[in-house]
Amino acid sequence: MKLSVLGPAGTFTDAAAKAYLKTQPGTTVTLDYHPTFDQVYQAVSGDNLGLLPLENQLDGYVSATLQRLQTADVTEIGEVTIPVNFGLVANVANLNQIKRIYVQFKTEGQCQNLLSQLPSVQIITTSSNMISLEKFQTGEIGDAAIVPQSEMSGLQFPLMKNHVADQDDNSTRFIIFKSQPANLNELSKQTLDTNHFKAPLFVTPSFNDQPGTLYKILGYFAKAKLNLITLMSLPTKTELGVYSFYIEVSGTRDQQEEIFATLTELASIYHVHLLGFYAV
């Protein structure tokens, strides 16, 4: 079996994949690295799985993942959260000598305290922390990069600063998914191996927006005493002003019947795109 992840090796996604595999003893898995979110999705088929970042503690949800989940025929089967921190490397001696800095697009929002000290520096956004490092290593005098803290011990440059994230307790949550539409009826029969579950889904009104639409949707969960831990709106991209609501529901094993009864009732009125039901 393959587990497709964002590469190259050394990224936080790579670290999350290895952390997940430690929870799956006895399973033979090959890590399958890809440079883009789309390529990870396209690589997941059959019994193979994918893993992508969903939420960072400091910089919020990863839109590149959410936008794909909005229409993807996948089933999330679990999640893993890992600590993340960063270091700064530069080929000059002082911060004021840096001319440009390579930063992964999601890392930038987690290192604002550092970047605010470099107001005149050109920020070059990359798709991967390891690509930031590669670009820096083949760059010019005056270059710098923000890289995973785990890489710092193997590097040696004139300027090196450890732990440059805005908070030391920063973490990122990743989802594990398979290429198969989440089936409400089949998932309702699933036996949880812990006492708690999480159910992510999108709900899209099947009619033009009306006052109280979101209130009515949330009322279904409140009536069933189900806890909502995430609520976000994303444009459907069909026309301006039309949105889907991304929701994550949590509960306990004895609420399994309630969650699926609620989703069935909700689906009779709205378009419900269930993404999974798994133990946490």
Protein backbone atom coordinates (compact mmCIF):
# COMPACT_ATOMS: atom_id res chain seq x y z
CA MET A 1 0.00 0.00 0.00
CA LYS A 2 1.11 3.56 -0.70
CA LEU A 3 0.57 6.66 1.40
CA SER A 4 0.74 9.73 -0.85
CA VAL A 5 2.02 12.91 0.81
CA LEU A 6 3.44 16.31 -0.01
CA GLY A 7 7.17 16.00 -0.59
CA PRO A 8 10.05 15.97 -0.66
CA ALA A 9 11.16 14.00 2.38
CA GLY A 10 11.78 16.19 5.42
CA THR A 11 8.56 18.21 5.23
CA PHE A 12 6.12 18.35 8.13
CA THR A 13 3.72 16.29 6.01
CA ASP A 14 6.44 13.64 5.81
CA ALA A 15 6.81 13.78 9.62
CA ALA A 16 3.04 13.51 10.05
CA ALA A 17 2.93 10.50 7.73
CA LYS A 18 5.60 8.73 9.77
CA ALA A 19 3.76 9.57 13.00
CA TYR A 20 0.56 8.10 11.54
CA LEU A 21 2.33 4.93 10.40
CA LYS A 22 3.53 4.32 13.96
CA THR A 23 -0.13 3.90 14.89
CA GLN A 24 -0.56 1.22 12.21
CA PRO A 25 1.77 -1.61 13.31
CA GLY A 26 2.08 -4.57 11.00
CA THR A 27 1.07 -2.59 7.91
CA THR A 28 3.57 -2.37 5.05
CA VAL A 29 3.35 1.13 3.59
CA THR A 30 5.47 2.99 1.03
CA LEU A 31 5.58 6.76 1.29
CA ASP A 32 4.75 8.32 -2.08
CA TYR A 33 5.98 11.92 -2.37
CA HIS A 34 4.42 14.57 -4.63
CA PRO A 35 5.18 18.30 -4.98
CA THR A 36 1.58 19.62 -5.14
CA PHE A 37 -1.78 19.12 -3.46
CA ASP A 38 -3.39 18.13 -6.78
CA GLN A 39 -0.80 15.45 -7.44
CA VAL A 40 -1.37 13.96 -3.99
CA TYR A 41 -5.11 13.73 -4.70
CA GLN A 42 -4.59 12.24 -8.13
CA ALA A 43 -2.21 9.61 -6.76
CA VAL A 44 -4.72 8.23 -4.26
CA SER A 45 -6.69 5.30 -5.70
CA GLY A 46 -7.74 1.79 -4.78
CA ASP A 47 -6.36 0.74 -1.40
CA ASN A 48 -3.81 3.57 -1.34
CA LEU A 49 -4.20 6.46 1.07
CA GLY A 50 -3.39 10.17 1.08
CA LEU A 51 -2.34 12.59 3.82
CA LEU A 52 -2.59 16.38 3.66
CA PRO A 53 -2.42 19.29 6.14
CA LEU A 54 -5.81 20.62 7.22
CA GLU A 55 -5.31 23.09 10.07
CA ASN A 56 -2.48 24.98 11.73
CA GLN A 57 -2.75 26.31 15.26
CA LEU A 58 -1.40 29.76 14.36
CA ASP A 59 -2.45 30.25 10.74
CA GLY A 60 -5.78 28.44 10.61
CA TYR A 61 -7.16 26.11 7.97
CA VAL A 62 -5.29 25.19 4.81
CA SER A 63 -7.48 26.48 1.98
CA ALA A 64 -5.68 24.33 -0.60
CA THR A 65 -6.94 21.24 1.25
CA LEU A 66 -10.44 22.52 2.04
CA GLN A 67 -11.09 23.59 -1.54
CA ARG A 68 -10.38 20.07 -2.75
CA LEU A 69 -12.42 18.40 -0.02
CA GLN A 70 -15.39 20.55 -0.99
CA THR A 71 -16.01 18.47 -4.12
CA ALA A 72 -13.71 15.46 -3.71
CA ASP A 73 -15.06 11.91 -3.60
CA VAL A 74 -12.96 10.86 -0.62
CA THR A 75 -13.47 9.36 2.82
CA GLU A 76 -11.42 10.66 5.71
CA ILE A 77 -10.41 7.75 7.94
CA GLY A 78 -8.37 9.54 10.60
CA GLU A 79 -6.15 12.43 11.54
CA VAL A 80 -2.81 13.09 13.16
CA THR A 81 -1.48 16.22 14.85
CA ILE A 82 2.23 16.99 15.18
CA PRO A 83 4.21 19.86 16.72
CA VAL A 84 5.82 22.22 14.22
CA ASN A 85 8.50 24.87 14.56
CA PHE A 86 10.92 26.62 12.26
CA GLY A 87 14.43 27.95 12.01
CA LEU A 88 15.95 30.74 9.94
CA VAL A 89 19.08 30.24 7.85
CA ALA A 90 20.89 32.97 5.92
CA ASN A 91 24.18 33.25 4.06
CA VAL A 92 24.89 36.65 5.65
CA ALA A 93 25.90 37.50 9.20
CA ASN A 94 23.04 39.80 10.25
CA LEU A 95 19.30 40.12 9.70
CA ASN A 96 19.71 43.59 8.16
CA GLN A 97 21.87 42.08 5.39
CA ILE A 98 19.12 39.77 4.14
CA LYS A 99 17.73 40.82 0.75
CA ARG A 100 15.23 38.06 0.06
CA ILE A 101 13.79 35.15 2.00
CA TYR A 102 12.16 31.89 0.87
CA VAL A 103 9.07 30.93 2.88
CA GLN A 104 6.46 28.21 2.35
CA PHE A 105 3.00 29.75 1.83
CA LYS A 106 1.56 28.44 5.12
CA THR A 107 4.77 28.96 7.09
CA GLU A 108 4.66 32.71 6.40
CA GLY A 109 1.60 33.16 8.60
CA GLN A 110 3.25 31.29 11.46
CA CYS A 111 6.43 33.41 11.56
CA GLN A 112 5.08 36.95 11.49
CA ASN A 113 7.14 38.13 14.46
CA LEU A 114 10.34 37.34 12.59
CA LEU A 115 9.17 38.64 9.22
CA SER A 116 8.05 41.93 10.78
CA GLN A 117 11.73 42.56 11.56
CA LEU A 118 12.47 42.37 7.82
CA PRO A 119 10.10 44.96 6.29
CA SER A 120 12.26 45.67 3.23
CA VAL A 121 13.14 42.06 2.44
CA GLN A 122 11.61 40.40 -0.62
CA ILE A 123 9.49 37.42 0.44
CA ILE A 124 9.45 34.59 -2.10
CA THR A 125 6.64 32.12 -1.40
CA THR A 126 7.22 28.43 -2.08
CA SER A 127 5.02 25.31 -2.03
CA SER A 128 7.19 23.40 0.46
CA ASN A 129 9.52 24.15 3.37
CA MET A 130 12.10 21.83 1.82
CA ILE A 131 11.84 23.68 -1.49
CA SER A 132 12.53 26.88 0.47
CA LEU A 133 15.73 25.26 1.71
CA GLU A 134 16.71 24.04 -1.77
CA LYS A 135 16.12 27.47 -3.32
CA PHE A 136 18.18 29.11 -0.58
CA GLN A 137 21.08 26.67 -0.95
CA THR A 138 21.36 27.39 -4.68
CA GLY A 139 20.73 31.13 -4.31
CA GLU A 140 22.77 34.28 -3.99
CA ILE A 141 24.47 36.24 -1.22
CA GLY A 142 21.76 37.96 0.80
CA ASP A 143 19.36 35.01 0.62
CA ALA A 144 17.63 33.40 3.60
CA ALA A 145 14.99 30.74 4.22
CA ILE A 146 12.63 29.61 6.92
CA VAL A 147 12.94 25.84 7.24
CA PRO A 148 11.72 23.06 9.56
CA GLN A 149 13.45 23.22 12.93
CA SER A 150 14.29 19.53 12.52
CA GLU A 151 16.61 20.42 9.62
CA MET A 152 18.64 23.00 11.55
CA SER A 153 21.05 20.56 13.24
CA GLY A 154 22.37 19.42 9.87
CA LEU A 155 23.01 22.91 8.48
CA GLN A 156 25.82 25.41 8.90
CA PHE A 157 25.47 28.99 7.67
CA PRO A 158 26.68 32.42 8.91
CA LEU A 159 23.26 33.24 10.40
CA MET A 160 21.07 30.63 12.04
CA LYS A 161 18.13 31.31 14.37
CA ASN A 162 16.23 28.49 16.06
CA HIS A 163 12.54 28.38 16.96
CA VAL A 164 11.29 31.36 14.96
CA ALA A 165 7.58 30.44 14.93
CA ASP A 166 5.38 32.94 16.73
CA GLN A 167 4.69 30.35 19.45
CA ASP A 168 6.74 27.39 20.64
CA ASP A 169 3.63 25.24 21.12
CA ASN A 170 2.58 25.47 17.47
CA SER A 171 1.04 22.37 15.86
CA THR A 172 -0.59 21.23 12.60
CA ARG A 173 -3.41 18.74 12.06
CA PHE A 174 -3.36 16.41 9.05
CA ILE A 175 -6.10 14.23 7.59
CA ILE A 176 -5.74 10.71 6.21
CA PHE A 177 -8.14 9.81 3.41
CA LYS A 178 -8.95 7.19 0.80
CA SER A 179 -10.30 7.65 -2.72
CA GLN A 180 -13.87 6.55 -2.12
CA PRO A 181 -17.02 8.64 -1.57
CA ALA A 182 -18.09 8.68 2.06
CA ASN A 183 -21.24 6.58 2.27
CA LEU A 184 -23.60 7.68 5.03
CA ASN A 185 -25.28 4.29 5.41
CA GLU A 186 -22.03 2.31 5.50
CA LEU A 187 -20.33 4.68 7.94
CA SER A 188 -23.33 4.54 10.28
CA LYS A 189 -22.56 0.84 10.84
CA GLN A 190 -18.88 1.42 11.60
CA THR A 191 -17.62 0.34 15.01
CA LEU A 192 -15.46 2.94 16.72
CA ASP A 193 -12.28 1.81 18.47
CA THR A 194 -12.33 4.78 20.87
CA ASN A 195 -15.14 6.51 22.73
CA HIS A 196 -15.00 9.71 20.64
CA PHE A 197 -15.67 10.43 16.99
CA LYS A 198 -15.31 13.25 14.51
CA ALA A 199 -17.46 13.74 11.41
CA PRO A 200 -16.42 16.39 8.83
CA LEU A 201 -18.87 17.50 6.14
CA PHE A 202 -19.99 20.28 3.82
CA VAL A 203 -23.57 21.50 3.82
CA THR A 204 -24.78 23.55 0.85
CA PRO A 205 -28.23 25.15 0.74
CA SER A 206 -30.14 23.80 -2.27
CA PHE A 207 -31.94 27.10 -2.76
CA ASN A 208 -30.99 30.77 -2.89
CA ASP A 209 -29.73 32.23 0.35
CA GLN A 210 -32.46 33.23 2.78
CA PRO A 211 -32.39 34.87 6.20
CA GLY A 212 -31.86 32.26 8.91
CA THR A 213 -30.47 29.51 6.64
CA LEU A 214 -27.35 28.93 8.72
CA TYR A 215 -29.38 29.17 11.94
CA LYS A 216 -31.68 26.40 10.69
CA ILE A 217 -28.76 24.16 9.67
CA LEU A 218 -27.06 24.53 13.04
CA GLY A 219 -30.35 23.84 14.77
CA TYR A 220 -30.28 20.22 13.64
CA PHE A 221 -27.05 19.62 15.54
CA ALA A 222 -28.16 21.60 18.59
CA LYS A 223 -31.38 19.59 18.78
CA ALA A 224 -29.36 16.34 18.81
CA LYS A 225 -26.90 17.81 21.37
CA LEU A 226 -23.99 17.26 18.98
CA ASN A 227 -20.93 19.47 19.43
CA LEU A 228 -19.67 21.58 16.50
CA ILE A 229 -15.92 22.18 16.66
CA THR A 230 -15.56 23.86 13.27
CA LEU A 231 -17.78 26.12 11.19
CA MET A 232 -16.53 27.89 8.06
CA SER A 233 -18.07 29.17 4.85
CA LEU A 234 -16.46 28.61 1.46
CA PRO A 235 -17.66 29.93 -1.92
CA THR A 236 -19.09 27.23 -4.17
CA LYS A 237 -17.54 29.05 -7.16
CA THR A 238 -20.77 28.60 -9.13
CA GLU A 239 -21.75 32.24 -8.67
CA LEU A 240 -21.05 35.15 -6.36
CA GLY A 241 -22.70 34.96 -2.96
CA VAL A 242 -23.32 31.20 -2.95
CA TYR A 243 -21.53 29.39 -0.14
CA SER A 244 -21.04 25.95 1.39
CA PHE A 245 -20.62 25.49 5.12
CA TYR A 246 -17.73 23.34 6.30
CA ILE A 247 -18.62 21.70 9.61
CA GLU A 248 -16.81 19.31 11.93
CA VAL A 249 -18.98 17.50 14.44
CA SER A 250 -17.63 15.70 17.49
CA GLY A 251 -19.33 13.34 19.87
CA THR A 252 -19.12 10.13 21.85
CA ARG A 253 -19.82 6.54 20.92
CA ASP A 254 -23.32 6.65 22.41
CA GLN A 255 -24.19 9.51 20.02
CA GLN A 256 -23.45 7.53 16.86
CA GLU A 257 -27.12 6.92 16.15
CA GLU A 258 -27.94 10.61 16.68
CA ILE A 259 -25.26 11.90 14.31
CA PHE A 260 -26.42 9.73 11.41
CA ALA A 261 -30.10 10.38 12.04
CA THR A 262 -29.29 14.10 12.04
CA LEU A 263 -27.30 13.88 8.81
CA THR A 264 -30.08 11.91 7.13
CA GLU A 265 -32.65 14.52 8.13
CA LEU A 266 -30.33 17.34 7.05
CA ALA A 267 -29.73 15.68 3.67
CA SER A 268 -33.47 15.66 2.95
CA ILE A 269 -33.40 19.46 2.75
CA TYR A 270 -29.80 20.48 1.95
CA HIS A 271 -26.95 19.05 -0.07
CA VAL A 272 -24.79 17.18 2.44
CA HIS A 273 -21.30 16.16 1.35
CA LEU A 274 -20.11 13.85 4.13
CA LEU A 275 -16.34 13.42 4.29
CA GLY A 276 -15.97 10.77 6.96
CA PHE A 277 -16.72 9.40 10.41
CA TYR A 278 -13.74 8.25 12.42
CA ALA A 279 -12.46 7.66 15.94
CA VAL A 280 -10.30 10.31 17.61
